[in-house]
Every structure is written in structure tokens, then in C-alpha cells.
C-alpha atoms as a PDB file:
ATOM      1  CA  MET A   1      26.010  21.261  23.930  1.00  0.00           C
ATOM      2  CA  LYS A   2      23.571  23.456  22.029  1.00  0.00           C
ATOM      3  CA  ASN A   3      24.257  21.608  18.766  1.00  0.00           C
ATOM      4  CA  TYR A   4      23.574  18.296  20.472  1.00  0.00           C
ATOM      5  CA  VAL A   5      20.173  19.512  21.673  1.00  0.00           C
ATOM      6  CA  MET A   6      19.247  20.748  18.190  1.00  0.00           C
ATOM      7  CA  LEU A   7      20.308  17.445  16.600  1.00  0.00           C
ATOM      8  CA  THR A   8      18.333  15.430  19.168  1.00  0.00           C
ATOM      9  CA  GLU A   9      15.232  17.559  18.561  1.00  0.00           C
ATOM     10  CA  ALA A  10      15.554  17.106  14.794  1.00  0.00           C
ATOM     11  CA  ARG A  11      15.797  13.326  15.137  1.00  0.00           C
ATOM     12  CA  SER A  12      12.786  13.171  17.420  1.00  0.00           C
ATOM     13  CA  GLU A  13      10.767  15.194  14.885  1.00  0.00           C
ATOM     14  CA  GLU A  14      11.725  12.719  12.146  1.00  0.00           C
ATOM     15  CA  ALA A  15      10.599   9.841  14.337  1.00  0.00           C
ATOM     16  CA  LYS A  16       7.128  11.417  14.625  1.00  0.00           C
ATOM     17  CA  LYS A  17       6.541  11.457  10.858  1.00  0.00           C
ATOM     18  CA  ILE A  18       4.163   8.866   9.477  1.00  0.00           C
ATOM     19  CA  ARG A  19       5.405   6.942   6.461  1.00  0.00           C
ATOM     20  CA  ARG A  20       2.918   6.177   3.698  1.00  0.00           C
ATOM     21  CA  LEU A  21       2.761   2.558   2.612  1.00  0.00           C
ATOM     22  CA  THR A  22       3.759   1.888  -0.976  1.00  0.00           C
ATOM     23  CA  PRO A  23       1.182   0.388  -3.359  1.00  0.00           C
ATOM     24  CA  THR A  24       3.178  -2.870  -3.326  1.00  0.00           C
ATOM     25  CA  GLU A  25       3.017  -3.009   0.487  1.00  0.00           C
ATOM     26  CA  CYS A  26      -0.739  -2.437   0.312  1.00  0.00           C
ATOM     27  CA  GLU A  27      -1.090  -5.241  -2.235  1.00  0.00           C
ATOM     28  CA  ARG A  28       0.784  -7.587   0.091  1.00  0.00           C
ATOM     29  CA  LEU A  29      -1.423  -6.631   3.050  1.00  0.00           C
ATOM     30  CA  GLN A  30      -4.502  -7.351   0.954  1.00  0.00           C
ATOM     31  CA  GLY A  31      -3.127 -10.741  -0.127  1.00  0.00           C
ATOM     32  CA  PHE A  32      -2.490  -9.824  -3.773  1.00  0.00           C
ATOM     33  CA  PRO A  33       0.735 -10.539  -5.674  1.00  0.00           C
ATOM     34  CA  ASP A  34       3.268  -7.705  -6.103  1.00  0.00           C
ATOM     35  CA  ASN A  35       2.310  -5.209  -8.833  1.00  0.00           C
ATOM     36  CA  PHE A  36      -1.167  -6.749  -9.178  1.00  0.00           C
ATOM     37  CA  THR A  37      -2.686  -3.269  -9.631  1.00  0.00           C
ATOM     38  CA  LYS A  38       0.229  -1.683 -11.509  1.00  0.00           C
ATOM     39  CA  TYR A  39      -1.192  -2.142 -15.016  1.00  0.00           C
ATOM     40  CA  GLY A  40      -4.637  -1.889 -16.519  1.00  0.00           C
ATOM     41  CA  ILE A  41      -6.319  -1.891 -19.922  1.00  0.00           C
ATOM     42  CA  ASP A  42      -7.570   1.340 -21.483  1.00  0.00           C
ATOM     43  CA  GLU A  43     -10.576   1.834 -23.796  1.00  0.00           C
ATOM     44  CA  LYS A  44      -8.476   0.856 -26.812  1.00  0.00           C
ATOM     45  CA  GLY A  45      -7.447  -2.420 -25.196  1.00  0.00           C
ATOM     46  CA  GLU A  46      -3.877  -1.263 -24.643  1.00  0.00           C
ATOM     47  CA  GLN A  47      -1.956  -1.898 -21.444  1.00  0.00           C
ATOM     48  CA  ILE A  48      -1.343   1.241 -19.388  1.00  0.00           C
ATOM     49  CA  GLU A  49       0.373   1.936 -16.074  1.00  0.00           C
ATOM     50  CA  ILE A  50      -2.026   2.888 -13.269  1.00  0.00           C
ATOM     51  CA  SER A  51      -1.190   5.872 -11.041  1.00  0.00           C
ATOM     52  CA  ASP A  52      -0.346   5.240  -7.395  1.00  0.00           C
ATOM     53  CA  THR A  53      -3.439   7.222  -6.356  1.00  0.00           C
ATOM     54  CA  GLN A  54      -5.721   4.920  -8.342  1.00  0.00           C
ATOM     55  CA  ARG A  55      -3.875   1.864  -7.053  1.00  0.00           C
ATOM     56  CA  TYR A  56      -4.475   2.974  -3.445  1.00  0.00           C
ATOM     57  CA  LYS A  57      -8.139   3.588  -4.262  1.00  0.00           C
ATOM     58  CA  THR A  58      -8.526   0.167  -5.887  1.00  0.00           C
ATOM     59  CA  LEU A  59      -6.818  -1.608  -3.006  1.00  0.00           C
ATOM     60  CA  GLY A  60      -8.893   0.297  -0.469  1.00  0.00           C
ATOM     61  CA  ASN A  61     -12.068  -0.986  -2.111  1.00  0.00           C
ATOM     62  CA  ALA A  62     -10.813  -4.571  -2.386  1.00  0.00           C
ATOM     63  CA  VAL A  63     -11.789  -7.452  -0.153  1.00  0.00           C
ATOM     64  CA  THR A  64      -8.792  -9.029   1.548  1.00  0.00           C
ATOM     65  CA  VAL A  65      -8.029 -12.330  -0.173  1.00  0.00           C
ATOM     66  CA  ASN A  66      -6.749 -14.022   2.985  1.00  0.00           C
ATOM     67  CA  VAL A  67      -9.943 -13.240   4.901  1.00  0.00           C
ATOM     68  CA  ILE A  68     -12.142 -14.693   2.155  1.00  0.00           C
ATOM     69  CA  LYS A  69      -9.997 -17.861   2.068  1.00  0.00           C
ATOM     70  CA  GLU A  70     -10.420 -18.361   5.808  1.00  0.00           C
ATOM     71  CA  ILE A  71     -14.175 -17.768   5.664  1.00  0.00           C
ATOM     72  CA  MET A  72     -14.523 -20.304   2.856  1.00  0.00           C
ATOM     73  CA  LYS A  73     -12.504 -22.879   4.845  1.00  0.00           C
ATOM     74  CA  GLN A  74     -14.946 -22.495   7.737  1.00  0.00           C
ATOM     75  CA  LEU A  75     -17.987 -22.805   5.471  1.00  0.00           C
ATOM     76  CA  LEU A  76     -16.741 -25.852   3.594  1.00  0.00           C
END
């Protein structure tokens, strides 16, 4: 019975953890296509892969595409 209690407590602790969204999930929530922020251009004009941290930052500063579309529909 003691093992059962320990296993139940471990599972309940796992259920309390918060999962971080992936950059792709954040892009989808913002209305962008998958991997929209994955690549960028450096000073030399070469394509580089953007870090997840910078992708989160970029997406956090973005305006949600779907919201802008709906606002424009109401204005036009």
C-alpha cells in the first residue's frame, strides 16, 4: 500500500507542472505559419537559424494576425 501512495503522489506532482509552449505552438496562436520565425538573415545576408529564446521574444512582441484581420473586416 505504501508504494501505491508514493506512486499516486508522484503522478499528482507531475500533473502540477506547467508545460512551456513550443515556438511553433506560439506561432500558431499568433496566426503565423509554422516555422515563420525559425530563420532570419544575418549582417552578411546569410540565412541563420534563430534561437528559441529569440523566437519567443519576437512572437511576444508581434500583433496577432487574426485579430488584425477581424478589425479590418469591421472597418471595411
